[in-house]
Amino acid sequence: MVGDKQLSQAISVINSGGIIVYPTESVYGLGCDPFNEDAVNKLLELKQRHVNKGLILIASHVRQVLPLIQPLAANDLARALKTWPGHHTWVFPKSKLVPDWVSGKYNSVAIRVSKHPVVVQLCQKLNSALVSTSANISNQSEFKSIKDIKHLFGDKIGHYLNASTGKEINPSTIHDAHTNTIIR
């Protein structure tokens, strides 16, 4: 959990098109408003990640992601719901609401409903999902401390939410929602 002042600052940065660093279940994440193309492009540039790769969206409740997905079968959503909130990301066919700068070259979107208290606070206050990608340069090791992330990104980040990550060691498992195969 973070205090109201920190949370308000983070929300203000997100709403003004900025990028934040925040804790997730296993690593610190870079986040921004997924529907703000300029914010997502800034995040991708910082991360040195190509837009074609797509990004994960994280939420505090399934209601925040239902409009973004089009499950192929009723079982697909039921399968994901059994693991949410939790450390599982599910890839669903995307709805027309998901912008290409989020889905990349795919016709799908990766979604996670988190139980991390800071993510829950953020997404509840925003009443929206948030971009979630590790706070590092693409294809490099994740950082385990805010200090190291600040050293890397400095004032290019609008706000650093300094709270503990969860107890998970690895990034979330990514599943295909229709086939239930593990992607990562």
C-alpha atoms as a PDB file:
ATOM      1  CA  MET A   1       0.000   0.000   0.000  1.00  0.00           C
ATOM      2  CA  VAL A   2       1.089   3.549  -0.627  1.00  0.00           C
ATOM      3  CA  GLY A   3      -0.094   6.777   0.950  1.00  0.00           C
ATOM      4  CA  ASP A   4      -2.706   9.059  -0.566  1.00  0.00           C
ATOM      5  CA  LYS A   5      -0.121  11.694  -1.532  1.00  0.00           C
ATOM      6  CA  GLN A   6       2.052   9.215  -3.472  1.00  0.00           C
ATOM      7  CA  LEU A   7      -1.006   7.696  -5.106  1.00  0.00           C
ATOM      8  CA  SER A   8      -2.402  11.110  -6.084  1.00  0.00           C
ATOM      9  CA  GLN A   9       0.949  12.104  -7.606  1.00  0.00           C
ATOM     10  CA  ALA A  10       1.084   8.887  -9.641  1.00  0.00           C
ATOM     11  CA  ILE A  11      -2.497   9.340 -10.873  1.00  0.00           C
ATOM     12  CA  SER A  12      -1.758  12.947 -11.838  1.00  0.00           C
ATOM     13  CA  VAL A  13       1.294  11.850 -13.863  1.00  0.00           C
ATOM     14  CA  ILE A  14      -0.686   9.121 -15.647  1.00  0.00           C
ATOM     15  CA  ASN A  15      -3.600  11.455 -16.410  1.00  0.00           C
ATOM     16  CA  SER A  16      -1.208  14.054 -17.851  1.00  0.00           C
ATOM     17  CA  GLY A  17       0.409  11.536 -20.212  1.00  0.00           C
ATOM     18  CA  GLY A  18       3.425  10.673 -18.090  1.00  0.00           C
ATOM     19  CA  ILE A  19       5.094   7.435 -17.069  1.00  0.00           C
ATOM     20  CA  ILE A  20       5.356   5.968 -13.588  1.00  0.00           C
ATOM     21  CA  VAL A  21       7.360   3.195 -11.971  1.00  0.00           C
ATOM     22  CA  TYR A  22       5.350   0.964  -9.652  1.00  0.00           C
ATOM     23  CA  PRO A  23       5.743  -2.399  -7.906  1.00  0.00           C
ATOM     24  CA  THR A  24       4.096  -5.540  -9.225  1.00  0.00           C
ATOM     25  CA  GLU A  25       4.050  -9.114  -7.941  1.00  0.00           C
ATOM     26  CA  SER A  26       7.652  -9.793  -9.018  1.00  0.00           C
ATOM     27  CA  VAL A  27       9.365  -6.697 -10.464  1.00  0.00           C
ATOM     28  CA  TYR A  28       8.954  -2.960 -10.777  1.00  0.00           C
ATOM     29  CA  GLY A  29       6.926  -1.961 -13.789  1.00  0.00           C
ATOM     30  CA  LEU A  30       6.746   1.001 -16.113  1.00  0.00           C
ATOM     31  CA  GLY A  31       3.181   2.168 -16.500  1.00  0.00           C
ATOM     32  CA  CYS A  32       1.119   4.722 -18.344  1.00  0.00           C
ATOM     33  CA  ASP A  33      -2.345   5.261 -19.767  1.00  0.00           C
ATOM     34  CA  PRO A  34      -2.761   2.593 -22.465  1.00  0.00           C
ATOM     35  CA  PHE A  35      -5.149   4.833 -24.406  1.00  0.00           C
ATOM     36  CA  ASN A  36      -2.697   7.741 -24.637  1.00  0.00           C
ATOM     37  CA  GLU A  37      -0.576   7.096 -27.739  1.00  0.00           C
ATOM     38  CA  ASP A  38       2.039   9.716 -26.834  1.00  0.00           C
ATOM     39  CA  ALA A  39       2.496   8.233 -23.350  1.00  0.00           C
ATOM     40  CA  VAL A  40       2.856   4.697 -24.725  1.00  0.00           C
ATOM     41  CA  ASN A  41       5.337   5.881 -27.353  1.00  0.00           C
ATOM     42  CA  LYS A  42       7.415   7.628 -24.645  1.00  0.00           C
ATOM     43  CA  LEU A  43       7.391   4.438 -22.593  1.00  0.00           C
ATOM     44  CA  LEU A  44       8.439   2.325 -25.591  1.00  0.00           C
ATOM     45  CA  GLU A  45      11.236   4.767 -26.402  1.00  0.00           C
ATOM     46  CA  LEU A  46      12.529   4.670 -22.806  1.00  0.00           C
ATOM     47  CA  LYS A  47      12.423   0.897 -22.823  1.00  0.00           C
ATOM     48  CA  GLN A  48      13.891   0.692 -26.334  1.00  0.00           C
ATOM     49  CA  ARG A  49      11.093  -1.702 -27.236  1.00  0.00           C
ATOM     50  CA  HIS A  50       9.489  -1.908 -30.667  1.00  0.00           C
ATOM     51  CA  VAL A  51       5.766  -1.168 -30.793  1.00  0.00           C
ATOM     52  CA  ASN A  52       5.158  -4.395 -32.767  1.00  0.00           C
ATOM     53  CA  LYS A  53       5.892  -6.495 -29.664  1.00  0.00           C
ATOM     54  CA  GLY A  54       2.776  -5.325 -27.834  1.00  0.00           C
ATOM     55  CA  LEU A  55       2.344  -4.614 -24.142  1.00  0.00           C
ATOM     56  CA  ILE A  56       0.617  -6.205 -21.168  1.00  0.00           C
ATOM     57  CA  LEU A  57      -2.274  -4.420 -19.490  1.00  0.00           C
ATOM     58  CA  ILE A  58      -2.768  -4.829 -15.759  1.00  0.00           C
ATOM     59  CA  ALA A  59      -5.995  -4.187 -13.857  1.00  0.00           C
ATOM     60  CA  SER A  60      -7.499  -4.418 -10.384  1.00  0.00           C
ATOM     61  CA  HIS A  61     -10.764  -6.043 -11.470  1.00  0.00           C
ATOM     62  CA  VAL A  62     -12.026  -8.022 -14.426  1.00  0.00           C
ATOM     63  CA  ARG A  63     -14.604  -5.276 -15.128  1.00  0.00           C
ATOM     64  CA  GLN A  64     -11.728  -3.043 -16.234  1.00  0.00           C
ATOM     65  CA  VAL A  65     -10.664  -5.491 -18.950  1.00  0.00           C
ATOM     66  CA  LEU A  66     -13.907  -7.107 -20.145  1.00  0.00           C
ATOM     67  CA  PRO A  67     -14.551  -4.371 -22.764  1.00  0.00           C
ATOM     68  CA  LEU A  68     -11.030  -4.956 -24.150  1.00  0.00           C
ATOM     69  CA  ILE A  69     -11.307  -8.662 -24.938  1.00  0.00           C
ATOM     70  CA  GLN A  70     -13.346 -10.947 -27.170  1.00  0.00           C
ATOM     71  CA  PRO A  71     -13.021 -14.497 -25.820  1.00  0.00           C
ATOM     72  CA  LEU A  72     -13.517 -17.145 -28.501  1.00  0.00           C
ATOM     73  CA  ALA A  73     -15.362 -19.456 -26.093  1.00  0.00           C
ATOM     74  CA  ALA A  74     -17.012 -19.084 -22.676  1.00  0.00           C
ATOM     75  CA  ASN A  75     -14.407 -21.423 -21.186  1.00  0.00           C
ATOM     76  CA  ASP A  76     -11.605 -19.039 -22.185  1.00  0.00           C
ATOM     77  CA  LEU A  77     -12.652 -16.346 -19.732  1.00  0.00           C
ATOM     78  CA  ALA A  78     -13.602 -18.900 -17.071  1.00  0.00           C
ATOM     79  CA  ARG A  79     -10.074 -20.351 -17.267  1.00  0.00           C
ATOM     80  CA  ALA A  80      -8.531 -16.916 -16.684  1.00  0.00           C
ATOM     81  CA  LEU A  81     -10.951 -16.061 -13.889  1.00  0.00           C
ATOM     82  CA  LYS A  82      -9.757 -19.107 -11.932  1.00  0.00           C
ATOM     83  CA  THR A  83      -6.273 -17.529 -11.725  1.00  0.00           C
ATOM     84  CA  TRP A  84      -7.312 -13.894 -11.134  1.00  0.00           C
ATOM     85  CA  PRO A  85      -6.489 -11.897  -9.228  1.00  0.00           C
ATOM     86  CA  GLY A  86      -3.035 -13.336  -9.435  1.00  0.00           C
ATOM     87  CA  HIS A  87       0.268 -13.723 -11.183  1.00  0.00           C
ATOM     88  CA  HIS A  88      -1.121 -14.997 -14.500  1.00  0.00           C
ATOM     89  CA  THR A  89      -1.382 -13.064 -17.746  1.00  0.00           C
ATOM     90  CA  TRP A  90      -3.860 -14.243 -20.373  1.00  0.00           C
ATOM     91  CA  VAL A  91      -3.834 -13.415 -24.072  1.00  0.00           C
ATOM     92  CA  PHE A  92      -7.283 -12.869 -25.610  1.00  0.00           C
ATOM     93  CA  PRO A  93      -8.455 -11.671 -29.012  1.00  0.00           C
ATOM     94  CA  LYS A  94      -8.698  -7.901 -28.634  1.00  0.00           C
ATOM     95  CA  SER A  95     -11.789  -5.759 -29.013  1.00  0.00           C
ATOM     96  CA  LYS A  96     -11.847  -2.654 -31.189  1.00  0.00           C
ATOM     97  CA  LEU A  97     -11.181  -0.599 -28.042  1.00  0.00           C
ATOM     98  CA  VAL A  98      -7.576  -1.821 -27.822  1.00  0.00           C
ATOM     99  CA  PRO A  99      -5.279   0.502 -29.756  1.00  0.00           C
ATOM    100  CA  ASP A 100      -2.605  -0.912 -32.061  1.00  0.00           C
ATOM    101  CA  TRP A 101       0.122   0.776 -30.003  1.00  0.00           C
ATOM    102  CA  VAL A 102      -0.866  -1.582 -27.161  1.00  0.00           C
ATOM    103  CA  SER A 103      -1.466  -4.799 -29.128  1.00  0.00           C
ATOM    104  CA  GLY A 104       1.462  -4.319 -31.514  1.00  0.00           C
ATOM    105  CA  LYS A 105       1.384  -6.571 -34.545  1.00  0.00           C
ATOM    106  CA  TYR A 106      -1.132  -8.893 -32.879  1.00  0.00           C
ATOM    107  CA  ASN A 107      -4.930  -9.137 -33.009  1.00  0.00           C
ATOM    108  CA  SER A 108      -4.823  -9.960 -29.325  1.00  0.00           C
ATOM    109  CA  VAL A 109      -4.125  -8.311 -25.993  1.00  0.00           C
ATOM    110  CA  ALA A 110      -2.320  -9.620 -22.909  1.00  0.00           C
ATOM    111  CA  ILE A 111      -4.240  -8.980 -19.678  1.00  0.00           C
ATOM    112  CA  ARG A 112      -3.529  -9.552 -15.982  1.00  0.00           C
ATOM    113  CA  VAL A 113      -5.781  -8.833 -13.021  1.00  0.00           C
ATOM    114  CA  SER A 114      -3.373  -8.248 -10.171  1.00  0.00           C
ATOM    115  CA  LYS A 115      -3.671  -8.740  -6.457  1.00  0.00           C
ATOM    116  CA  HIS A 116      -0.669  -6.527  -5.655  1.00  0.00           C
ATOM    117  CA  PRO A 117      -2.049  -3.846  -3.307  1.00  0.00           C
ATOM    118  CA  VAL A 118      -0.378  -0.917  -5.113  1.00  0.00           C
ATOM    119  CA  VAL A 119      -1.641  -2.078  -8.515  1.00  0.00           C
ATOM    120  CA  VAL A 120      -5.105  -2.501  -7.030  1.00  0.00           C
ATOM    121  CA  GLN A 121      -4.997   1.029  -5.546  1.00  0.00           C
ATOM    122  CA  LEU A 122      -3.774   2.548  -8.829  1.00  0.00           C
ATOM    123  CA  CYS A 123      -6.240   0.824 -11.125  1.00  0.00           C
ATOM    124  CA  GLN A 124      -9.165   1.422  -8.763  1.00  0.00           C
ATOM    125  CA  LYS A 125      -8.380   5.152  -8.593  1.00  0.00           C
ATOM    126  CA  LEU A 126      -7.906   5.301 -12.382  1.00  0.00           C
ATOM    127  CA  ASN A 127     -10.925   3.047 -12.957  1.00  0.00           C
ATOM    128  CA  SER A 128      -8.884   1.624 -15.802  1.00  0.00           C
ATOM    129  CA  ALA A 129      -6.245  -0.859 -16.759  1.00  0.00           C
ATOM    130  CA  LEU A 130      -2.640   0.336 -16.908  1.00  0.00           C
ATOM    131  CA  VAL A 131       0.299  -0.567 -19.139  1.00  0.00           C
ATOM    132  CA  SER A 132       2.575  -3.017 -17.348  1.00  0.00           C
ATOM    133  CA  THR A 133       6.058  -3.744 -18.601  1.00  0.00           C
ATOM    134  CA  SER A 134       9.208  -4.343 -16.597  1.00  0.00           C
ATOM    135  CA  ALA A 135      11.187  -1.228 -15.620  1.00  0.00           C
ATOM    136  CA  ASN A 136      14.292  -1.945 -17.645  1.00  0.00           C
ATOM    137  CA  ILE A 137      15.694  -1.692 -21.152  1.00  0.00           C
ATOM    138  CA  SER A 138      14.259  -4.389 -23.454  1.00  0.00           C
ATOM    139  CA  ASN A 139      16.089  -7.701 -23.301  1.00  0.00           C
ATOM    140  CA  GLN A 140      18.126  -6.663 -20.265  1.00  0.00           C
ATOM    141  CA  SER A 141      17.813  -7.839 -16.671  1.00  0.00           C
ATOM    142  CA  GLU A 142      15.078  -6.443 -14.467  1.00  0.00           C
ATOM    143  CA  PHE A 143      16.060  -4.123 -11.647  1.00  0.00           C
ATOM    144  CA  LYS A 144      15.129  -5.068  -8.118  1.00  0.00           C
ATOM    145  CA  SER A 145      15.373  -1.600  -6.543  1.00  0.00           C
ATOM    146  CA  ILE A 146      13.884   1.835  -7.124  1.00  0.00           C
ATOM    147  CA  LYS A 147      17.392   3.291  -6.679  1.00  0.00           C
ATOM    148  CA  ASP A 148      18.717   1.341  -9.688  1.00  0.00           C
ATOM    149  CA  ILE A 149      15.681   2.257 -11.788  1.00  0.00           C
ATOM    150  CA  LYS A 150      16.091   5.946 -10.894  1.00  0.00           C
ATOM    151  CA  HIS A 151      19.735   5.722 -11.915  1.00  0.00           C
ATOM    152  CA  LEU A 152      18.698   4.303 -15.306  1.00  0.00           C
ATOM    153  CA  PHE A 153      15.701   6.509 -16.131  1.00  0.00           C
ATOM    154  CA  GLY A 154      16.124   9.573 -13.879  1.00  0.00           C
ATOM    155  CA  ASP A 155      13.658  12.393 -14.497  1.00  0.00           C
ATOM    156  CA  LYS A 156      12.213  10.732 -17.625  1.00  0.00           C
ATOM    157  CA  ILE A 157       9.843   9.049 -15.178  1.00  0.00           C
ATOM    158  CA  GLY A 158       7.089  11.286 -13.825  1.00  0.00           C
ATOM    159  CA  HIS A 159       6.704   9.452 -10.514  1.00  0.00           C
ATOM    160  CA  TYR A 160       8.328   6.553  -8.698  1.00  0.00           C
ATOM    161  CA  LEU A 161       5.962   4.656  -6.398  1.00  0.00           C
ATOM    162  CA  ASN A 162       8.398   3.439  -3.778  1.00  0.00           C
ATOM    163  CA  ALA A 163       6.765   0.356  -2.309  1.00  0.00           C
ATOM    164  CA  SER A 164       7.761  -3.302  -2.149  1.00  0.00           C
ATOM    165  CA  THR A 165       7.269  -5.761  -4.961  1.00  0.00           C
ATOM    166  CA  GLY A 166       5.415  -8.983  -4.232  1.00  0.00           C
ATOM    167  CA  LYS A 167       7.018 -12.279  -3.350  1.00  0.00           C
ATOM    168  CA  GLU A 168       7.007 -13.797  -6.848  1.00  0.00           C
ATOM    169  CA  ILE A 169      10.477 -14.447  -8.272  1.00  0.00           C
ATOM    170  CA  ASN A 170       9.678 -14.594 -11.991  1.00  0.00           C
ATOM    171  CA  PRO A 171       7.514 -12.425 -14.252  1.00  0.00           C
ATOM    172  CA  SER A 172       3.933 -13.627 -14.657  1.00  0.00           C
ATOM    173  CA  THR A 173       3.164 -16.745 -16.624  1.00  0.00           C
ATOM    174  CA  ILE A 174       1.550 -15.841 -19.951  1.00  0.00           C
ATOM    175  CA  HIS A 175      -1.163 -18.188 -21.261  1.00  0.00           C
ATOM    176  CA  ASP A 176      -3.129 -18.296 -24.495  1.00  0.00           C
ATOM    177  CA  ALA A 177      -6.711 -17.963 -23.256  1.00  0.00           C
ATOM    178  CA  HIS A 178      -8.199 -20.198 -25.955  1.00  0.00           C
ATOM    179  CA  THR A 179      -5.685 -23.035 -26.155  1.00  0.00           C
ATOM    180  CA  ASN A 180      -4.414 -22.759 -22.552  1.00  0.00           C
ATOM    181  CA  THR A 181      -0.848 -23.139 -23.837  1.00  0.00           C
ATOM    182  CA  ILE A 182       1.883 -21.355 -21.951  1.00  0.00           C
ATOM    183  CA  ILE A 183       3.552 -18.639 -24.018  1.00  0.00           C
ATOM    184  CA  ARG A 184       6.104 -17.646 -21.356  1.00  0.00           C
END
